[in-house]
Amino acid sequence: MRKCWAGLRHPGSNAGRAFAAEFLVPKAAVARVWSAATSCERAFETLCDQYAARAELVAWQICKTIAERTAEQTAFFAALCQST
């Protein structure tokens, strides 16, 4: 895989996706919204609306940021990542 500027791998790599996710939907914002939301669906909708990001990206960033999730929440986000 070829490297691009700043030593990051091609955007199709995990490092490129992680960089893009952090740039578009910061982990600090995910943690803040998650702790204030009344449900995982509400947190997800709020982040999608606030950052105008694709559902897959928001779901991926939530999964990478929030370690403590129920099995139902994990399944919800996994389904979103596979649907797009």
N, C-alpha and C. Protein backbone atom coordinates (compact mmCIF):
# COMPACT_ATOMS: atom_id res chain seq x y z
N MET A 1 0.84 -1.17 0.00
CA MET A 1 0.00 0.00 0.00
C MET A 1 0.89 1.23 0.00
N ARG A 2 0.57 2.18 -0.83
CA ARG A 2 1.42 3.36 -0.92
C ARG A 2 1.14 4.35 0.21
N LYS A 3 2.15 5.12 0.53
CA LYS A 3 2.00 6.13 1.57
C LYS A 3 1.68 7.46 0.91
N CYS A 4 0.91 8.28 1.61
CA CYS A 4 0.63 9.63 1.12
C CYS A 4 1.26 10.61 2.11
N TRP A 5 0.95 11.88 1.97
CA TRP A 5 1.58 12.91 2.78
C TRP A 5 1.46 12.62 4.27
N ALA A 6 2.36 13.14 5.02
CA ALA A 6 2.42 13.02 6.48
C ALA A 6 2.61 11.59 6.95
N GLY A 7 3.03 10.69 6.07
CA GLY A 7 3.29 9.33 6.48
C GLY A 7 2.05 8.48 6.67
N LEU A 8 0.88 9.02 6.36
CA LEU A 8 -0.35 8.24 6.49
C LEU A 8 -0.48 7.30 5.31
N ARG A 9 -1.07 6.19 5.54
CA ARG A 9 -1.29 5.25 4.45
C ARG A 9 -2.42 5.77 3.56
N HIS A 10 -2.55 5.15 2.42
CA HIS A 10 -3.62 5.49 1.47
C HIS A 10 -4.95 5.57 2.22
N PRO A 11 -5.83 6.51 1.87
CA PRO A 11 -7.09 6.69 2.60
C PRO A 11 -7.94 5.43 2.75
N GLY A 12 -7.73 4.43 1.93
CA GLY A 12 -8.50 3.19 2.06
C GLY A 12 -8.04 2.32 3.21
N SER A 13 -6.93 2.66 3.84
CA SER A 13 -6.40 1.85 4.93
C SER A 13 -7.09 2.21 6.24
N ASN A 14 -6.87 1.39 7.26
CA ASN A 14 -7.45 1.68 8.58
C ASN A 14 -6.93 2.99 9.14
N ALA A 15 -5.65 3.27 8.94
CA ALA A 15 -5.09 4.52 9.45
C ALA A 15 -5.72 5.72 8.77
N GLY A 16 -5.95 5.61 7.47
CA GLY A 16 -6.60 6.70 6.74
C GLY A 16 -8.02 6.91 7.18
N ARG A 17 -8.74 5.81 7.40
CA ARG A 17 -10.13 5.92 7.87
C ARG A 17 -10.19 6.50 9.27
N ALA A 18 -9.27 6.09 10.13
CA ALA A 18 -9.25 6.61 11.50
C ALA A 18 -8.97 8.11 11.50
N PHE A 19 -8.04 8.54 10.66
CA PHE A 19 -7.72 9.96 10.55
C PHE A 19 -8.95 10.73 10.07
N ALA A 20 -9.61 10.23 9.04
CA ALA A 20 -10.80 10.89 8.50
C ALA A 20 -11.92 10.94 9.53
N ALA A 21 -12.13 9.84 10.24
CA ALA A 21 -13.20 9.80 11.24
C ALA A 21 -12.94 10.81 12.35
N GLU A 22 -11.71 10.91 12.81
CA GLU A 22 -11.38 11.86 13.87
C GLU A 22 -11.52 13.30 13.39
N PHE A 23 -11.16 13.54 12.15
CA PHE A 23 -11.29 14.88 11.57
C PHE A 23 -12.76 15.27 11.41
N LEU A 24 -13.59 14.34 10.95
CA LEU A 24 -15.00 14.64 10.65
C LEU A 24 -15.90 14.57 11.87
N VAL A 25 -15.64 13.62 12.76
CA VAL A 25 -16.45 13.45 13.98
C VAL A 25 -15.47 13.17 15.13
N PRO A 26 -15.02 14.20 15.83
CA PRO A 26 -14.01 14.01 16.88
C PRO A 26 -14.49 13.11 18.02
N LYS A 27 -13.57 12.31 18.54
CA LYS A 27 -13.90 11.41 19.65
C LYS A 27 -14.40 12.16 20.87
N ALA A 28 -13.87 13.34 21.12
CA ALA A 28 -14.33 14.14 22.27
C ALA A 28 -15.81 14.48 22.12
N ALA A 29 -16.23 14.78 20.91
CA ALA A 29 -17.65 15.08 20.66
C ALA A 29 -18.50 13.83 20.83
N VAL A 30 -17.99 12.69 20.37
CA VAL A 30 -18.72 11.43 20.53
C VAL A 30 -18.94 11.15 22.02
N ALA A 31 -17.89 11.28 22.82
CA ALA A 31 -18.00 11.02 24.25
C ALA A 31 -18.98 11.98 24.92
N ARG A 32 -18.93 13.25 24.54
CA ARG A 32 -19.82 14.26 25.12
C ARG A 32 -21.28 13.97 24.78
N VAL A 33 -21.56 13.71 23.51
CA VAL A 33 -22.93 13.45 23.07
C VAL A 33 -23.44 12.14 23.66
N TRP A 34 -22.58 11.13 23.68
CA TRP A 34 -22.98 9.82 24.20
C TRP A 34 -23.39 9.92 25.67
N SER A 35 -22.63 10.67 26.47
CA SER A 35 -22.94 10.77 27.89
C SER A 35 -24.20 11.58 28.16
N ALA A 36 -24.56 12.47 27.25
CA ALA A 36 -25.74 13.31 27.45
C ALA A 36 -27.01 12.74 26.83
N ALA A 37 -26.86 11.78 25.93
CA ALA A 37 -28.02 11.27 25.18
C ALA A 37 -28.85 10.30 26.03
N THR A 38 -30.13 10.25 25.71
CA THR A 38 -31.04 9.36 26.42
C THR A 38 -31.06 7.95 25.83
N SER A 39 -30.52 7.78 24.62
CA SER A 39 -30.45 6.46 23.99
C SER A 39 -29.32 6.46 22.96
N CYS A 40 -28.91 5.27 22.57
CA CYS A 40 -27.84 5.20 21.56
C CYS A 40 -28.34 5.73 20.22
N GLU A 41 -29.62 5.52 19.91
CA GLU A 41 -30.19 6.04 18.67
C GLU A 41 -30.16 7.56 18.66
N ARG A 42 -30.48 8.16 19.79
CA ARG A 42 -30.48 9.63 19.89
C ARG A 42 -29.06 10.17 19.76
N ALA A 43 -28.09 9.52 20.39
CA ALA A 43 -26.70 9.96 20.26
C ALA A 43 -26.26 9.87 18.81
N PHE A 44 -26.61 8.78 18.16
CA PHE A 44 -26.25 8.57 16.77
C PHE A 44 -26.86 9.66 15.88
N GLU A 45 -28.16 9.93 16.06
CA GLU A 45 -28.84 10.95 15.25
C GLU A 45 -28.24 12.34 15.49
N THR A 46 -27.94 12.64 16.74
CA THR A 46 -27.36 13.94 17.08
C THR A 46 -26.01 14.13 16.40
N LEU A 47 -25.16 13.10 16.45
CA LEU A 47 -23.84 13.21 15.82
C LEU A 47 -23.96 13.31 14.31
N CYS A 48 -24.85 12.54 13.71
CA CYS A 48 -25.06 12.63 12.25
C CYS A 48 -25.50 14.03 11.86
N ASP A 49 -26.42 14.59 12.63
CA ASP A 49 -26.95 15.93 12.33
C ASP A 49 -25.89 17.02 12.56
N GLN A 50 -25.22 16.97 13.70
CA GLN A 50 -24.25 18.01 14.05
C GLN A 50 -23.06 18.04 13.09
N TYR A 51 -22.63 16.87 12.65
CA TYR A 51 -21.41 16.82 11.83
C TYR A 51 -21.68 16.50 10.37
N ALA A 52 -22.92 16.32 10.00
CA ALA A 52 -23.30 16.02 8.61
C ALA A 52 -22.44 14.90 8.03
N ALA A 53 -22.25 13.87 8.84
CA ALA A 53 -21.40 12.76 8.43
C ALA A 53 -22.27 11.55 8.07
N ARG A 54 -21.70 10.68 7.24
CA ARG A 54 -22.39 9.46 6.85
C ARG A 54 -22.64 8.57 8.06
N ALA A 55 -23.72 7.82 8.00
CA ALA A 55 -24.10 6.94 9.11
C ALA A 55 -22.99 5.95 9.43
N GLU A 56 -22.37 5.38 8.42
CA GLU A 56 -21.31 4.40 8.65
C GLU A 56 -20.14 5.01 9.42
N LEU A 57 -19.76 6.22 9.05
CA LEU A 57 -18.63 6.88 9.72
C LEU A 57 -18.96 7.18 11.17
N VAL A 58 -20.15 7.69 11.43
CA VAL A 58 -20.55 8.00 12.80
C VAL A 58 -20.61 6.72 13.64
N ALA A 59 -21.20 5.66 13.09
CA ALA A 59 -21.28 4.39 13.81
C ALA A 59 -19.88 3.85 14.10
N TRP A 60 -18.99 3.93 13.13
CA TRP A 60 -17.62 3.44 13.30
C TRP A 60 -16.91 4.24 14.40
N GLN A 61 -17.10 5.55 14.40
CA GLN A 61 -16.44 6.38 15.40
C GLN A 61 -17.01 6.12 16.79
N ILE A 62 -18.29 5.88 16.89
CA ILE A 62 -18.88 5.54 18.20
C ILE A 62 -18.28 4.23 18.70
N CYS A 63 -18.21 3.24 17.82
CA CYS A 63 -17.67 1.93 18.21
C CYS A 63 -16.21 2.03 18.65
N LYS A 64 -15.44 2.91 18.04
CA LYS A 64 -14.03 3.06 18.39
C LYS A 64 -13.84 3.93 19.64
N THR A 65 -14.85 4.73 19.99
CA THR A 65 -14.71 5.66 21.11
C THR A 65 -15.33 5.13 22.39
N ILE A 66 -16.50 4.52 22.29
CA ILE A 66 -17.25 4.09 23.47
C ILE A 66 -17.01 2.60 23.71
N ALA A 67 -16.29 2.29 24.77
CA ALA A 67 -15.94 0.90 25.05
C ALA A 67 -17.10 0.15 25.71
N GLU A 68 -17.83 0.83 26.56
CA GLU A 68 -18.90 0.16 27.29
C GLU A 68 -20.22 0.34 26.56
N ARG A 69 -20.62 -0.73 25.86
CA ARG A 69 -21.89 -0.74 25.13
C ARG A 69 -22.60 -2.05 25.45
N THR A 70 -23.92 -2.01 25.41
CA THR A 70 -24.66 -3.25 25.57
C THR A 70 -24.58 -4.05 24.28
N ALA A 71 -24.98 -5.30 24.35
CA ALA A 71 -25.00 -6.14 23.15
C ALA A 71 -25.94 -5.56 22.10
N GLU A 72 -27.06 -5.00 22.54
CA GLU A 72 -28.02 -4.40 21.61
C GLU A 72 -27.43 -3.18 20.92
N GLN A 73 -26.71 -2.35 21.67
CA GLN A 73 -26.07 -1.17 21.08
C GLN A 73 -25.00 -1.58 20.08
N THR A 74 -24.21 -2.58 20.42
CA THR A 74 -23.18 -3.07 19.52
C THR A 74 -23.80 -3.59 18.23
N ALA A 75 -24.89 -4.34 18.34
CA ALA A 75 -25.58 -4.86 17.16
C ALA A 75 -26.16 -3.73 16.31
N PHE A 76 -26.70 -2.70 16.95
CA PHE A 76 -27.25 -1.54 16.24
C PHE A 76 -26.19 -0.89 15.37
N PHE A 77 -25.02 -0.64 15.96
CA PHE A 77 -23.96 0.04 15.21
C PHE A 77 -23.32 -0.89 14.18
N ALA A 78 -23.21 -2.16 14.47
CA ALA A 78 -22.66 -3.11 13.51
C ALA A 78 -23.56 -3.18 12.27
N ALA A 79 -24.87 -3.16 12.47
CA ALA A 79 -25.80 -3.20 11.34
C ALA A 79 -25.66 -1.94 10.49
N LEU A 80 -25.44 -0.79 11.10
CA LEU A 80 -25.25 0.45 10.36
C LEU A 80 -23.97 0.40 9.53
N CYS A 81 -22.93 -0.16 10.09
CA CYS A 81 -21.66 -0.24 9.36
C CYS A 81 -21.77 -1.17 8.16
N GLN A 82 -22.59 -2.20 8.24
CA GLN A 82 -22.73 -3.15 7.15
C GLN A 82 -23.74 -2.72 6.11
N SER A 83 -24.63 -1.79 6.46
CA SER A 83 -25.71 -1.41 5.56
C SER A 83 -25.28 -0.48 4.45
N THR A 84 -24.14 0.20 4.59
CA THR A 84 -23.71 1.14 3.57
C THR A 84 -22.55 0.64 2.79
